[in-house]
Amino acid sequence: MIVKVEVPDQFAKQFHLDEPPRSRELLEAFVLQRHAEGGLSAGQVAQVLGLSFQETEKLLRDHSAAGLGPDEHAQGLQNLERLRSR
């Protein structure tokens, strides 16, 4: 899905929002904010941004955001146990 946001020209030019890296930065900022508010898990951050586990953990660390929480670690362990028992 493509989501469009209108930004006044003066700000778009000032912040160079027409450049592709800026679009990515805006998406990352939005996703990090939602993660900080509890609206996205680390796994969902990875999914939205197309990152690996390690890349996601680094992004969250670099932005002083918490990585996987206890519930996510527990779910990961359960998933590993299920895979081992196959």
N, C-alpha and C. Protein backbone atom coordinates (compact mmCIF):
# COMPACT_ATOMS: atom_id res chain seq x y z
N MET A 1 0.85 -1.16 0.00
CA MET A 1 0.00 0.00 0.00
C MET A 1 0.90 1.23 0.00
N ILE A 2 0.52 2.19 -0.75
CA ILE A 2 1.23 3.46 -0.78
C ILE A 2 0.40 4.46 -0.01
N VAL A 3 1.06 5.14 0.91
CA VAL A 3 0.41 6.17 1.70
C VAL A 3 1.08 7.49 1.34
N LYS A 4 0.27 8.45 1.00
CA LYS A 4 0.81 9.76 0.64
C LYS A 4 0.49 10.76 1.74
N VAL A 5 1.47 11.61 2.01
CA VAL A 5 1.33 12.64 3.02
C VAL A 5 1.68 13.97 2.36
N GLU A 6 0.84 14.95 2.54
CA GLU A 6 1.12 16.27 1.98
C GLU A 6 1.91 17.10 2.98
N VAL A 7 3.01 17.66 2.47
CA VAL A 7 3.88 18.52 3.27
C VAL A 7 4.00 19.85 2.53
N PRO A 8 3.84 20.96 3.21
CA PRO A 8 3.99 22.25 2.53
C PRO A 8 5.33 22.33 1.80
N ASP A 9 5.31 22.92 0.60
CA ASP A 9 6.51 22.98 -0.24
C ASP A 9 7.73 23.51 0.49
N GLN A 10 7.56 24.56 1.28
CA GLN A 10 8.73 25.14 1.94
C GLN A 10 9.42 24.12 2.84
N PHE A 11 8.66 23.26 3.50
CA PHE A 11 9.27 22.26 4.37
C PHE A 11 9.82 21.09 3.55
N ALA A 12 9.12 20.71 2.52
CA ALA A 12 9.60 19.63 1.66
C ALA A 12 10.95 19.99 1.07
N LYS A 13 11.09 21.22 0.61
CA LYS A 13 12.37 21.67 0.05
C LYS A 13 13.43 21.78 1.13
N GLN A 14 13.06 22.35 2.26
CA GLN A 14 14.01 22.55 3.37
C GLN A 14 14.60 21.22 3.84
N PHE A 15 13.77 20.18 3.90
CA PHE A 15 14.22 18.89 4.40
C PHE A 15 14.53 17.90 3.30
N HIS A 16 14.51 18.35 2.04
CA HIS A 16 14.85 17.49 0.89
C HIS A 16 14.01 16.22 0.87
N LEU A 17 12.71 16.37 1.12
CA LEU A 17 11.83 15.20 1.22
C LEU A 17 11.56 14.54 -0.11
N ASP A 18 11.99 15.14 -1.20
CA ASP A 18 11.78 14.53 -2.51
C ASP A 18 12.85 13.51 -2.85
N GLU A 19 13.83 13.34 -1.98
CA GLU A 19 14.92 12.39 -2.22
C GLU A 19 14.54 11.03 -1.62
N PRO A 20 14.80 9.93 -2.35
CA PRO A 20 14.43 8.59 -1.86
C PRO A 20 14.94 8.25 -0.46
N PRO A 21 16.19 8.59 -0.11
CA PRO A 21 16.62 8.25 1.26
C PRO A 21 15.77 8.92 2.32
N ARG A 22 15.25 10.09 2.02
CA ARG A 22 14.42 10.80 2.99
C ARG A 22 13.10 10.06 3.20
N SER A 23 12.55 9.50 2.15
CA SER A 23 11.31 8.73 2.29
C SER A 23 11.54 7.56 3.24
N ARG A 24 12.68 6.90 3.09
CA ARG A 24 13.01 5.77 3.96
C ARG A 24 13.17 6.25 5.40
N GLU A 25 13.83 7.38 5.58
CA GLU A 25 14.02 7.93 6.93
C GLU A 25 12.67 8.25 7.58
N LEU A 26 11.75 8.79 6.81
CA LEU A 26 10.42 9.10 7.34
C LEU A 26 9.69 7.83 7.75
N LEU A 27 9.79 6.80 6.92
CA LEU A 27 9.15 5.53 7.26
C LEU A 27 9.77 4.95 8.53
N GLU A 28 11.11 4.96 8.62
CA GLU A 28 11.77 4.45 9.82
C GLU A 28 11.35 5.24 11.05
N ALA A 29 11.29 6.56 10.94
CA ALA A 29 10.90 7.39 12.08
C ALA A 29 9.48 7.05 12.54
N PHE A 30 8.58 6.88 11.58
CA PHE A 30 7.20 6.53 11.91
C PHE A 30 7.15 5.17 12.61
N VAL A 31 7.84 4.20 12.05
CA VAL A 31 7.83 2.85 12.61
C VAL A 31 8.47 2.83 14.00
N LEU A 32 9.58 3.54 14.17
CA LEU A 32 10.22 3.60 15.49
C LEU A 32 9.32 4.26 16.52
N GLN A 33 8.60 5.29 16.11
CA GLN A 33 7.66 5.95 17.02
C GLN A 33 6.54 4.99 17.43
N ARG A 34 5.98 4.29 16.47
CA ARG A 34 4.92 3.33 16.78
C ARG A 34 5.44 2.22 17.69
N HIS A 35 6.68 1.78 17.48
CA HIS A 35 7.30 0.76 18.33
C HIS A 35 7.44 1.30 19.76
N ALA A 36 7.91 2.53 19.87
CA ALA A 36 8.09 3.14 21.19
C ALA A 36 6.77 3.28 21.93
N GLU A 37 5.69 3.50 21.20
CA GLU A 37 4.36 3.63 21.80
C GLU A 37 3.73 2.28 22.11
N GLY A 38 4.39 1.21 21.70
CA GLY A 38 3.85 -0.12 21.93
C GLY A 38 2.92 -0.60 20.83
N GLY A 39 2.84 0.14 19.75
CA GLY A 39 1.95 -0.22 18.65
C GLY A 39 2.52 -1.24 17.69
N LEU A 40 3.83 -1.44 17.72
CA LEU A 40 4.48 -2.44 16.86
C LEU A 40 5.50 -3.22 17.67
N SER A 41 5.56 -4.50 17.44
CA SER A 41 6.59 -5.33 18.06
C SER A 41 7.87 -5.21 17.24
N ALA A 42 8.97 -5.71 17.75
CA ALA A 42 10.23 -5.70 17.00
C ALA A 42 10.07 -6.52 15.72
N GLY A 43 9.34 -7.61 15.80
CA GLY A 43 9.10 -8.43 14.61
C GLY A 43 8.32 -7.68 13.55
N GLN A 44 7.36 -6.89 13.97
CA GLN A 44 6.59 -6.09 13.03
C GLN A 44 7.44 -4.97 12.43
N VAL A 45 8.33 -4.40 13.24
CA VAL A 45 9.27 -3.39 12.72
C VAL A 45 10.09 -4.00 11.59
N ALA A 46 10.60 -5.21 11.84
CA ALA A 46 11.39 -5.90 10.82
C ALA A 46 10.58 -6.13 9.56
N GLN A 47 9.36 -6.55 9.74
CA GLN A 47 8.50 -6.85 8.60
C GLN A 47 8.20 -5.60 7.77
N VAL A 48 7.82 -4.52 8.44
CA VAL A 48 7.49 -3.28 7.73
C VAL A 48 8.70 -2.74 6.97
N LEU A 49 9.87 -2.81 7.61
CA LEU A 49 11.07 -2.22 6.99
C LEU A 49 11.85 -3.21 6.13
N GLY A 50 11.43 -4.48 6.13
CA GLY A 50 12.14 -5.48 5.33
C GLY A 50 13.53 -5.77 5.84
N LEU A 51 13.67 -5.84 7.17
CA LEU A 51 14.97 -6.06 7.79
C LEU A 51 15.09 -7.45 8.38
N SER A 52 16.32 -7.91 8.51
CA SER A 52 16.58 -9.18 9.20
C SER A 52 16.49 -8.93 10.71
N PHE A 53 16.52 -10.00 11.46
CA PHE A 53 16.50 -9.91 12.92
C PHE A 53 17.65 -9.03 13.41
N GLN A 54 18.87 -9.31 12.90
CA GLN A 54 20.05 -8.57 13.34
C GLN A 54 19.96 -7.09 12.94
N GLU A 55 19.48 -6.83 11.74
CA GLU A 55 19.34 -5.44 11.30
C GLU A 55 18.33 -4.68 12.15
N THR A 56 17.26 -5.37 12.51
CA THR A 56 16.23 -4.75 13.34
C THR A 56 16.76 -4.45 14.73
N GLU A 57 17.45 -5.40 15.32
CA GLU A 57 18.02 -5.18 16.65
C GLU A 57 19.00 -4.01 16.62
N LYS A 58 19.82 -3.92 15.57
CA LYS A 58 20.77 -2.81 15.44
C LYS A 58 20.03 -1.49 15.30
N LEU A 59 18.99 -1.44 14.47
CA LEU A 59 18.21 -0.22 14.30
C LEU A 59 17.62 0.22 15.63
N LEU A 60 17.04 -0.72 16.36
CA LEU A 60 16.42 -0.38 17.64
C LEU A 60 17.47 0.08 18.65
N ARG A 61 18.63 -0.59 18.67
CA ARG A 61 19.71 -0.16 19.57
C ARG A 61 20.21 1.23 19.19
N ASP A 62 20.42 1.46 17.88
CA ASP A 62 20.94 2.74 17.41
C ASP A 62 20.00 3.90 17.76
N HIS A 63 18.73 3.60 17.91
CA HIS A 63 17.75 4.64 18.22
C HIS A 63 17.25 4.52 19.66
N SER A 64 18.04 3.85 20.48
CA SER A 64 17.73 3.69 21.90
C SER A 64 16.35 3.14 22.15
N ALA A 65 15.93 2.26 21.28
CA ALA A 65 14.63 1.60 21.46
C ALA A 65 14.89 0.19 21.97
N ALA A 66 13.96 -0.30 22.74
CA ALA A 66 14.08 -1.66 23.25
C ALA A 66 13.95 -2.65 22.10
N GLY A 67 14.67 -3.73 22.20
CA GLY A 67 14.56 -4.80 21.20
C GLY A 67 13.41 -5.72 21.57
N LEU A 68 13.65 -6.99 21.48
CA LEU A 68 12.61 -7.95 21.80
C LEU A 68 12.26 -7.89 23.27
N GLY A 69 10.98 -7.91 23.55
CA GLY A 69 10.51 -7.94 24.91
C GLY A 69 10.39 -9.38 25.40
N PRO A 70 10.08 -9.58 26.66
CA PRO A 70 9.98 -10.92 27.22
C PRO A 70 8.97 -11.80 26.48
N ASP A 71 7.84 -11.23 26.11
CA ASP A 71 6.82 -12.00 25.40
C ASP A 71 7.33 -12.47 24.05
N GLU A 72 8.05 -11.60 23.37
CA GLU A 72 8.59 -11.98 22.05
C GLU A 72 9.67 -13.04 22.19
N HIS A 73 10.50 -12.93 23.22
CA HIS A 73 11.51 -13.98 23.45
C HIS A 73 10.83 -15.31 23.74
N ALA A 74 9.80 -15.29 24.57
CA ALA A 74 9.09 -16.53 24.90
C ALA A 74 8.46 -17.13 23.65
N GLN A 75 7.85 -16.31 22.82
CA GLN A 75 7.25 -16.80 21.58
C GLN A 75 8.32 -17.39 20.67
N GLY A 76 9.47 -16.75 20.59
CA GLY A 76 10.58 -17.27 19.78
C GLY A 76 11.05 -18.62 20.27
N LEU A 77 11.14 -18.78 21.58
CA LEU A 77 11.55 -20.07 22.15
C LEU A 77 10.51 -21.15 21.85
N GLN A 78 9.26 -20.81 21.95
CA GLN A 78 8.20 -21.77 21.62
C GLN A 78 8.28 -22.18 20.16
N ASN A 79 8.53 -21.22 19.29
CA ASN A 79 8.67 -21.52 17.87
C ASN A 79 9.85 -22.45 17.61
N LEU A 80 10.97 -22.20 18.30
CA LEU A 80 12.14 -23.07 18.14
C LEU A 80 11.85 -24.49 18.62
N GLU A 81 11.17 -24.61 19.75
CA GLU A 81 10.82 -25.94 20.27
C GLU A 81 9.94 -26.69 19.29
N ARG A 82 8.97 -25.99 18.70
CA ARG A 82 8.09 -26.61 17.72
C ARG A 82 8.88 -27.10 16.50
N LEU A 83 9.83 -26.30 16.06
CA LEU A 83 10.64 -26.69 14.91
C LEU A 83 11.53 -27.89 15.23
N ARG A 84 12.07 -27.92 16.45
CA ARG A 84 12.94 -29.04 16.83
C ARG A 84 12.17 -30.34 16.96
N SER A 85 10.91 -30.27 17.33
CA SER A 85 10.13 -31.49 17.56
C SER A 85 9.59 -32.09 16.26
N ARG A 86 9.80 -31.43 15.16
CA ARG A 86 9.31 -31.95 13.86
C ARG A 86 10.19 -33.06 13.34
